[in-house]
C-alpha atoms as a PDB file:
ATOM      1  CA  MET A   1       0.000   0.000   0.000  1.00  0.00           C
ATOM      2  CA  PHE A   2       1.215   3.518  -0.695  1.00  0.00           C
ATOM      3  CA  LEU A   3      -0.109   6.956   0.126  1.00  0.00           C
ATOM      4  CA  PHE A   4      -0.410   9.729  -2.411  1.00  0.00           C
ATOM      5  CA  GLN A   5      -2.615  12.556  -3.606  1.00  0.00           C
ATOM      6  CA  ARG A   6      -3.531  12.656  -7.308  1.00  0.00           C
ATOM      7  CA  TYR A   7      -6.271  14.174  -9.411  1.00  0.00           C
ATOM      8  CA  PHE A   8      -7.731  12.706 -12.548  1.00  0.00           C
ATOM      9  CA  LEU A   9      -9.733  14.635 -15.092  1.00  0.00           C
ATOM     10  CA  LEU A  10     -11.988  11.891 -16.417  1.00  0.00           C
ATOM     11  CA  LEU A  11     -15.269  12.414 -18.227  1.00  0.00           C
ATOM     12  CA  GLY A  12     -15.270  16.033 -17.069  1.00  0.00           C
ATOM     13  CA  GLN A  13     -14.992  15.138 -13.376  1.00  0.00           C
ATOM     14  CA  ARG A  14     -12.196  15.878 -10.890  1.00  0.00           C
ATOM     15  CA  VAL A  15     -11.414  12.778  -8.853  1.00  0.00           C
ATOM     16  CA  SER A  16      -9.179  12.713  -5.783  1.00  0.00           C
ATOM     17  CA  PHE A  17      -7.435   9.470  -4.818  1.00  0.00           C
ATOM     18  CA  ARG A  18      -6.116   8.791  -1.316  1.00  0.00           C
ATOM     19  CA  ASN A  19      -4.670   5.628   0.202  1.00  0.00           C
ATOM     20  CA  LEU A  20      -4.769   3.824  -3.134  1.00  0.00           C
ATOM     21  CA  HIS A  21      -3.762   0.159  -3.021  1.00  0.00           C
ATOM     22  CA  GLN A  22      -1.664  -1.413  -5.754  1.00  0.00           C
ATOM     23  CA  ARG A  23      -4.838  -2.763  -7.303  1.00  0.00           C
ATOM     24  CA  ALA A  24      -7.949  -0.645  -6.931  1.00  0.00           C
ATOM     25  CA  LEU A  25     -11.362  -0.162  -8.414  1.00  0.00           C
ATOM     26  CA  LEU A  26     -12.891   3.285  -8.579  1.00  0.00           C
ATOM     27  CA  LEU A  27     -16.663   3.294  -8.362  1.00  0.00           C
ATOM     28  CA  VAL A  28     -18.401   6.422  -9.622  1.00  0.00           C
ATOM     29  CA  VAL A  29     -22.090   6.843  -8.799  1.00  0.00           C
ATOM     30  CA  ARG A  30     -23.967   9.934  -9.925  1.00  0.00           C
ATOM     31  CA  ARG A  31     -27.154  11.205  -8.328  1.00  0.00           C
ATOM     32  CA  GLY A  32     -28.177  14.645  -9.541  1.00  0.00           C
ATOM     33  CA  ASP A  33     -25.269  17.008  -8.967  1.00  0.00           C
ATOM     34  CA  HIS A  34     -23.698  14.702  -6.402  1.00  0.00           C
ATOM     35  CA  ILE A  35     -20.983  12.202  -7.251  1.00  0.00           C
ATOM     36  CA  PHE A  36     -19.863   9.499  -4.872  1.00  0.00           C
ATOM     37  CA  PHE A  37     -16.532   7.691  -5.116  1.00  0.00           C
ATOM     38  CA  GLN A  38     -15.283   4.538  -3.481  1.00  0.00           C
ATOM     39  CA  LEU A  39     -12.044   2.604  -3.864  1.00  0.00           C
ATOM     40  CA  VAL A  40     -12.181  -1.183  -3.734  1.00  0.00           C
ATOM     41  CA  VAL A  41      -9.119  -3.446  -3.569  1.00  0.00           C
ATOM     42  CA  ALA A  42      -9.049  -5.917  -6.447  1.00  0.00           C
ATOM     43  CA  VAL A  43      -6.711  -7.914  -8.649  1.00  0.00           C
ATOM     44  CA  LEU A  44      -9.169  -8.770 -11.402  1.00  0.00           C
ATOM     45  CA  LEU A  45     -10.315  -5.202 -11.880  1.00  0.00           C
ATOM     46  CA  LEU A  46     -12.552  -5.523 -14.893  1.00  0.00           C
ATOM     47  CA  LEU A  47     -14.220  -8.730 -13.750  1.00  0.00           C
ATOM     48  CA  LEU A  48     -14.870  -7.260 -10.312  1.00  0.00           C
ATOM     49  CA  ALA A  49     -16.323  -4.101 -11.821  1.00  0.00           C
ATOM     50  CA  VAL A  50     -18.649  -6.142 -14.036  1.00  0.00           C
ATOM     51  CA  LYS A  51     -19.640  -8.326 -11.093  1.00  0.00           C
ATOM     52  CA  ILE A  52     -20.485  -5.281  -8.960  1.00  0.00           C
ATOM     53  CA  TRP A  53     -22.555  -3.828 -11.797  1.00  0.00           C
ATOM     54  CA  SER A  54     -24.330  -7.187 -12.178  1.00  0.00           C
ATOM     55  CA  ALA A  55     -25.172  -7.191  -8.456  1.00  0.00           C
ATOM     56  CA  LEU A  56     -26.482  -3.615  -8.668  1.00  0.00           C
ATOM     57  CA  ALA A  57     -28.561  -4.395 -11.756  1.00  0.00           C
ATOM     58  CA  ASP A  58     -29.958  -7.474 -10.042  1.00  0.00           C
ATOM     59  CA  ALA A  59     -30.861  -5.493  -6.907  1.00  0.00           C
ATOM     60  CA  LEU A  60     -32.724  -2.927  -9.042  1.00  0.00           C
ATOM     61  CA  ALA A  61     -34.188  -5.656 -11.283  1.00  0.00           C
ATOM     62  CA  LEU A  62     -32.620  -4.038 -14.363  1.00  0.00           C
ATOM     63  CA  ARG A  63     -32.428  -7.229 -16.375  1.00  0.00           C
ATOM     64  CA  ASP A  64     -32.480  -6.014 -19.979  1.00  0.00           C
ATOM     65  CA  TYR A  65     -29.009  -4.497 -20.136  1.00  0.00           C
ATOM     66  CA  ASP A  66     -26.117  -4.876 -22.545  1.00  0.00           C
ATOM     67  CA  LEU A  67     -22.393  -4.327 -22.056  1.00  0.00           C
ATOM     68  CA  VAL A  68     -21.213  -2.902 -25.366  1.00  0.00           C
ATOM     69  CA  ALA A  69     -17.531  -2.437 -26.177  1.00  0.00           C
ATOM     70  CA  ASP A  70     -16.741   1.288 -26.186  1.00  0.00           C
ATOM     71  CA  SER A  71     -13.792   3.627 -25.684  1.00  0.00           C
ATOM     72  CA  PRO A  72     -14.887   6.919 -24.085  1.00  0.00           C
ATOM     73  CA  SER A  73     -12.297   9.573 -23.336  1.00  0.00           C
ATOM     74  CA  GLY A  74     -10.148   8.750 -20.321  1.00  0.00           C
ATOM     75  CA  LEU A  75     -10.935   5.026 -20.247  1.00  0.00           C
ATOM     76  CA  HIS A  76      -9.107   2.015 -21.674  1.00  0.00           C
ATOM     77  CA  ALA A  77      -9.678   1.527 -25.399  1.00  0.00           C
ATOM     78  CA  THR A  78     -10.084  -2.282 -25.260  1.00  0.00           C
ATOM     79  CA  ARG A  79     -11.080  -2.920 -21.634  1.00  0.00           C
ATOM     80  CA  THR A  80     -14.147  -0.716 -21.365  1.00  0.00           C
ATOM     81  CA  ALA A  81     -17.828  -1.313 -22.041  1.00  0.00           C
ATOM     82  CA  ARG A  82     -20.817   0.986 -22.242  1.00  0.00           C
ATOM     83  CA  ILE A  83     -23.772   0.024 -20.026  1.00  0.00           C
ATOM     84  CA  ASP A  84     -26.986   0.202 -22.050  1.00  0.00           C
ATOM     85  CA  VAL A  85     -30.353  -0.443 -20.409  1.00  0.00           C
ATOM     86  CA  GLY A  86     -33.452  -0.428 -22.561  1.00  0.00           C
ATOM     87  CA  GLY A  87     -31.587   1.430 -25.298  1.00  0.00           C
ATOM     88  CA  GLN A  88     -30.281   4.131 -22.938  1.00  0.00           C
ATOM     89  CA  THR A  89     -26.671   4.556 -21.837  1.00  0.00           C
ATOM     90  CA  ILE A  90     -26.407   4.811 -18.059  1.00  0.00           C
ATOM     91  CA  GLY A  91     -22.665   4.422 -17.501  1.00  0.00           C
ATOM     92  CA  PHE A  92     -19.388   2.685 -18.255  1.00  0.00           C
ATOM     93  CA  VAL A  93     -17.411  -0.198 -16.788  1.00  0.00           C
ATOM     94  CA  GLY A  94     -13.760  -1.012 -17.407  1.00  0.00           C
ATOM     95  CA  GLU A  95     -10.350   0.456 -16.639  1.00  0.00           C
ATOM     96  CA  VAL A  96      -8.754   3.887 -16.678  1.00  0.00           C
ATOM     97  CA  SER A  97      -6.646   4.633 -19.766  1.00  0.00           C
ATOM     98  CA  PRO A  98      -2.913   3.868 -19.351  1.00  0.00           C
ATOM     99  CA  ALA A  99      -2.161   7.293 -20.843  1.00  0.00           C
ATOM    100  CA  VAL A 100      -4.146   8.991 -18.070  1.00  0.00           C
ATOM    101  CA  LEU A 101      -2.432   6.908 -15.396  1.00  0.00           C
ATOM    102  CA  GLU A 102       0.998   7.708 -16.840  1.00  0.00           C
ATOM    103  CA  ALA A 103       0.205  11.422 -17.028  1.00  0.00           C
ATOM    104  CA  TYR A 104      -0.503  11.458 -13.293  1.00  0.00           C
ATOM    105  CA  GLY A 105       2.328   9.171 -12.241  1.00  0.00           C
ATOM    106  CA  VAL A 106       0.262   6.101 -11.364  1.00  0.00           C
ATOM    107  CA  SER A 107       2.064   2.891 -12.255  1.00  0.00           C
ATOM    108  CA  GLU A 108      -0.734   0.463 -11.402  1.00  0.00           C
ATOM    109  CA  ARG A 109      -4.013  -0.363 -13.132  1.00  0.00           C
ATOM    110  CA  VAL A 110      -7.205   1.336 -11.901  1.00  0.00           C
ATOM    111  CA  GLY A 111     -10.669  -0.063 -12.550  1.00  0.00           C
ATOM    112  CA  TRP A 112     -13.710   2.077 -13.280  1.00  0.00           C
ATOM    113  CA  LEU A 113     -17.447   1.650 -12.764  1.00  0.00           C
ATOM    114  CA  GLU A 114     -19.666   4.646 -13.479  1.00  0.00           C
ATOM    115  CA  VAL A 115     -23.448   4.557 -13.086  1.00  0.00           C
ATOM    116  CA  ASP A 116     -25.919   7.406 -13.567  1.00  0.00           C
ATOM    117  CA  LEU A 117     -28.619   6.532 -11.034  1.00  0.00           C
ATOM    118  CA  ASP A 118     -30.970   9.306 -12.154  1.00  0.00           C
ATOM    119  CA  THR A 119     -31.175   7.786 -15.610  1.00  0.00           C
ATOM    120  CA  ALA A 120     -31.228   4.200 -14.316  1.00  0.00           C
ATOM    121  CA  LEU A 121     -34.079   4.832 -11.902  1.00  0.00           C
ATOM    122  CA  GLN A 122     -36.197   6.422 -14.627  1.00  0.00           C
ATOM    123  CA  ILE A 123     -36.138   3.121 -16.533  1.00  0.00           C
ATOM    124  CA  SER A 124     -38.810   0.575 -15.666  1.00  0.00           C
ATOM    125  CA  HIS A 125     -37.410  -1.651 -12.929  1.00  0.00           C
ATOM    126  CA  GLY A 126     -38.237  -3.394  -9.690  1.00  0.00           C
ATOM    127  CA  ASP A 127     -40.419  -6.208 -11.037  1.00  0.00           C
ATOM    128  CA  LYS A 128     -38.338  -9.142  -9.876  1.00  0.00           C
ATOM    129  CA  PRO A 129     -39.834 -12.620 -10.352  1.00  0.00           C
ATOM    130  CA  TYR A 130     -38.825 -15.452  -8.039  1.00  0.00           C
ATOM    131  CA  LYS A 131     -38.489 -19.126  -8.864  1.00  0.00           C
ATOM    132  CA  SER A 132     -38.704 -22.123  -6.595  1.00  0.00           C
ATOM    133  CA  ILE A 133     -35.380 -23.692  -5.585  1.00  0.00           C
ATOM    134  CA  SER A 134     -34.612 -27.104  -7.017  1.00  0.00           C
ATOM    135  CA  ARG A 135     -34.017 -29.987  -4.606  1.00  0.00           C
ATOM    136  CA  TYR A 136     -31.762 -31.672  -7.148  1.00  0.00           C
ATOM    137  CA  PRO A 137     -27.987 -31.234  -7.591  1.00  0.00           C
ATOM    138  CA  SER A 138     -26.529 -28.949 -10.239  1.00  0.00           C
ATOM    139  CA  SER A 139     -23.687 -29.558 -12.688  1.00  0.00           C
ATOM    140  CA  ASP A 140     -21.063 -26.931 -13.547  1.00  0.00           C
ATOM    141  CA  VAL A 141     -19.308 -26.775 -16.914  1.00  0.00           C
ATOM    142  CA  ASP A 142     -16.443 -24.411 -17.838  1.00  0.00           C
ATOM    143  CA  LEU A 143     -16.123 -23.302 -21.463  1.00  0.00           C
ATOM    144  CA  ALA A 144     -13.447 -20.987 -22.869  1.00  0.00           C
ATOM    145  CA  PHE A 145     -13.825 -19.538 -26.363  1.00  0.00           C
ATOM    146  CA  GLU A 146     -11.334 -17.664 -28.508  1.00  0.00           C
ATOM    147  CA  VAL A 147     -13.238 -14.847 -30.233  1.00  0.00           C
ATOM    148  CA  SER A 148     -12.459 -11.669 -32.126  1.00  0.00           C
ATOM    149  CA  GLU A 149     -12.103  -8.431 -30.175  1.00  0.00           C
ATOM    150  CA  ASP A 150     -15.111  -7.199 -32.162  1.00  0.00           C
ATOM    151  CA  VAL A 151     -17.424  -9.752 -30.507  1.00  0.00           C
ATOM    152  CA  PRO A 152     -18.867  -8.429 -27.195  1.00  0.00           C
ATOM    153  CA  ALA A 153     -18.829 -10.833 -24.269  1.00  0.00           C
ATOM    154  CA  SER A 154     -22.516 -10.042 -23.706  1.00  0.00           C
ATOM    155  CA  VAL A 155     -23.370 -11.358 -27.192  1.00  0.00           C
ATOM    156  CA  VAL A 156     -21.583 -14.649 -26.506  1.00  0.00           C
ATOM    157  CA  GLU A 157     -23.435 -14.841 -23.184  1.00  0.00           C
ATOM    158  CA  ALA A 158     -26.767 -14.283 -24.915  1.00  0.00           C
ATOM    159  CA  THR A 159     -26.032 -17.130 -27.334  1.00  0.00           C
ATOM    160  CA  LEU A 160     -25.203 -19.455 -24.439  1.00  0.00           C
ATOM    161  CA  ARG A 161     -28.399 -18.540 -22.585  1.00  0.00           C
ATOM    162  CA  ILE A 162     -30.647 -19.044 -25.604  1.00  0.00           C
ATOM    163  CA  THR A 163     -29.005 -22.340 -26.574  1.00  0.00           C
ATOM    164  CA  ALA A 164     -28.894 -23.849 -23.075  1.00  0.00           C
ATOM    165  CA  GLY A 165     -32.531 -23.004 -22.421  1.00  0.00           C
ATOM    166  CA  GLU A 166     -34.332 -23.697 -19.143  1.00  0.00           C
ATOM    167  CA  LEU A 167     -31.652 -26.068 -17.840  1.00  0.00           C
ATOM    168  CA  LEU A 168     -29.239 -23.124 -17.450  1.00  0.00           C
ATOM    169  CA  VAL A 169     -29.610 -21.654 -13.956  1.00  0.00           C
ATOM    170  CA  GLY A 170     -26.300 -19.779 -13.749  1.00  0.00           C
ATOM    171  CA  LEU A 171     -23.833 -18.204 -16.164  1.00  0.00           C
ATOM    172  CA  GLN A 172     -20.705 -16.271 -15.214  1.00  0.00           C
ATOM    173  CA  LEU A 173     -17.791 -14.840 -17.176  1.00  0.00           C
ATOM    174  CA  PHE A 174     -14.810 -15.655 -14.950  1.00  0.00           C
ATOM    175  CA  ASP A 175     -11.781 -14.959 -17.128  1.00  0.00           C
ATOM    176  CA  VAL A 176     -10.709 -12.746 -20.027  1.00  0.00           C
ATOM    177  CA  PHE A 177      -7.278 -13.483 -21.489  1.00  0.00           C
ATOM    178  CA  ARG A 178      -5.185 -11.857 -24.229  1.00  0.00           C
ATOM    179  CA  GLY A 179      -1.769 -12.905 -25.436  1.00  0.00           C
ATOM    180  CA  GLN A 180      -0.063 -16.092 -26.629  1.00  0.00           C
ATOM    181  CA  PRO A 181      -1.302 -18.594 -27.630  1.00  0.00           C
ATOM    182  CA  VAL A 182      -4.449 -16.553 -28.420  1.00  0.00           C
ATOM    183  CA  LYS A 183      -4.304 -14.989 -31.891  1.00  0.00           C
ATOM    184  CA  GLU A 184      -3.707 -11.282 -32.400  1.00  0.00           C
ATOM    185  CA  ASN A 185      -6.872  -9.147 -32.215  1.00  0.00           C
ATOM    186  CA  HIS A 186      -8.587 -12.010 -30.391  1.00  0.00           C
ATOM    187  CA  ARG A 187      -9.220 -12.788 -26.746  1.00  0.00           C
ATOM    188  CA  SER A 188     -10.288 -15.752 -24.676  1.00  0.00           C
ATOM    189  CA  LEU A 189     -13.619 -15.567 -22.831  1.00  0.00           C
ATOM    190  CA  ALA A 190     -14.130 -18.236 -20.165  1.00  0.00           C
ATOM    191  CA  TYR A 191     -17.577 -18.933 -18.724  1.00  0.00           C
ATOM    192  CA  THR A 192     -18.958 -21.182 -16.017  1.00  0.00           C
ATOM    193  CA  LEU A 193     -22.356 -22.624 -16.903  1.00  0.00           C
ATOM    194  CA  ARG A 194     -24.515 -24.203 -14.207  1.00  0.00           C
ATOM    195  CA  PHE A 195     -27.175 -26.693 -15.284  1.00  0.00           C
ATOM    196  CA  GLN A 196     -29.995 -27.908 -13.070  1.00  0.00           C
ATOM    197  CA  ALA A 197     -33.487 -29.355 -13.445  1.00  0.00           C
ATOM    198  CA  THR A 198     -36.389 -28.734 -11.089  1.00  0.00           C
ATOM    199  CA  ASP A 199     -37.794 -32.274 -11.288  1.00  0.00           C
ATOM    200  CA  ARG A 200     -34.814 -34.620 -11.545  1.00  0.00           C
ATOM    201  CA  THR A 201     -31.064 -35.087 -11.340  1.00  0.00           C
ATOM    202  CA  LEU A 202     -29.534 -34.420 -14.742  1.00  0.00           C
ATOM    203  CA  THR A 203     -27.700 -37.370 -16.285  1.00  0.00           C
ATOM    204  CA  ASP A 204     -24.175 -37.111 -17.654  1.00  0.00           C
ATOM    205  CA  LEU A 205     -25.619 -37.545 -21.134  1.00  0.00           C
ATOM    206  CA  GLU A 206     -28.034 -34.613 -20.706  1.00  0.00           C
ATOM    207  CA  VAL A 207     -25.254 -32.326 -19.481  1.00  0.00           C
ATOM    208  CA  SER A 208     -22.978 -33.466 -22.305  1.00  0.00           C
ATOM    209  CA  GLU A 209     -25.649 -32.814 -24.935  1.00  0.00           C
ATOM    210  CA  VAL A 210     -26.444 -29.274 -23.782  1.00  0.00           C
ATOM    211  CA  ARG A 211     -22.709 -28.566 -23.501  1.00  0.00           C
ATOM    212  CA  GLU A 212     -22.139 -29.631 -27.110  1.00  0.00           C
ATOM    213  CA  ARG A 213     -25.091 -27.528 -28.287  1.00  0.00           C
ATOM    214  CA  CYS A 214     -23.646 -24.461 -26.563  1.00  0.00           C
ATOM    215  CA  ILE A 215     -20.207 -25.003 -28.100  1.00  0.00           C
ATOM    216  CA  SER A 216     -21.623 -25.492 -31.597  1.00  0.00           C
ATOM    217  CA  ALA A 217     -23.834 -22.395 -31.324  1.00  0.00           C
ATOM    218  CA  VAL A 218     -21.030 -20.061 -30.192  1.00  0.00           C
ATOM    219  CA  GLU A 219     -18.606 -21.415 -32.800  1.00  0.00           C
ATOM    220  CA  ALA A 220     -21.174 -21.073 -35.604  1.00  0.00           C
ATOM    221  CA  GLU A 221     -22.601 -17.666 -34.699  1.00  0.00           C
ATOM    222  CA  HIS A 222     -19.413 -15.849 -33.657  1.00  0.00           C
ATOM    223  CA  SER A 223     -16.617 -17.573 -35.631  1.00  0.00           C
ATOM    224  CA  ALA A 224     -15.250 -18.725 -32.290  1.00  0.00           C
ATOM    225  CA  SER A 225     -13.140 -21.731 -31.361  1.00  0.00           C
ATOM    226  CA  LEU A 226     -13.232 -23.722 -28.160  1.00  0.00           C
ATOM    227  CA  ARG A 227      -9.999 -23.569 -26.158  1.00  0.00           C
ATOM    228  CA  ALA A 228      -8.659 -26.735 -24.607  1.00  0.00           C
END
């Protein structure tokens, strides 16, 4: 841990950092003219930021959202996504631009999550359906796909959800990797899929069949390849 005082000019806002850890996530929440900041220690900055946004969206029952690759001023060109809900942009999630960090003498990565609550709360939300909990065990499957940088992770997720159908009870992006042996201008997206039935224990054959359908769908629709 190290102590310093720095100011960032990001998205037209002046942000003061104190007691910044070597890995930190900056949360930016807007409400009217008030802006609230919080630093969170993290190693997997982007994944943590996305997970926090997912928890917030779930709490507000904002289910119809998309994370769309974007590169607003001050944020990382390839590690930032725009948060769209019902066709409206309500914020950004990702990392601070290396150029901004270098300009202010920060050698470590800094994550970013920005949410405009005024806009978010004006969108229809709060209707949160509940489902009964299954008494039967679940089965987890990990799948990692190599896809082009042009393919949003949210689009791959949507394909997995549609293909897996009602047996899919959980889906999480747990790793994003760039570099060898992944091809240039590509990245690896790794997901954990949880399958479960409400009326029976799934057989190995059932899990294997839905797994193969998911792989085939992602490979066909997004020119992806399954990583070993």
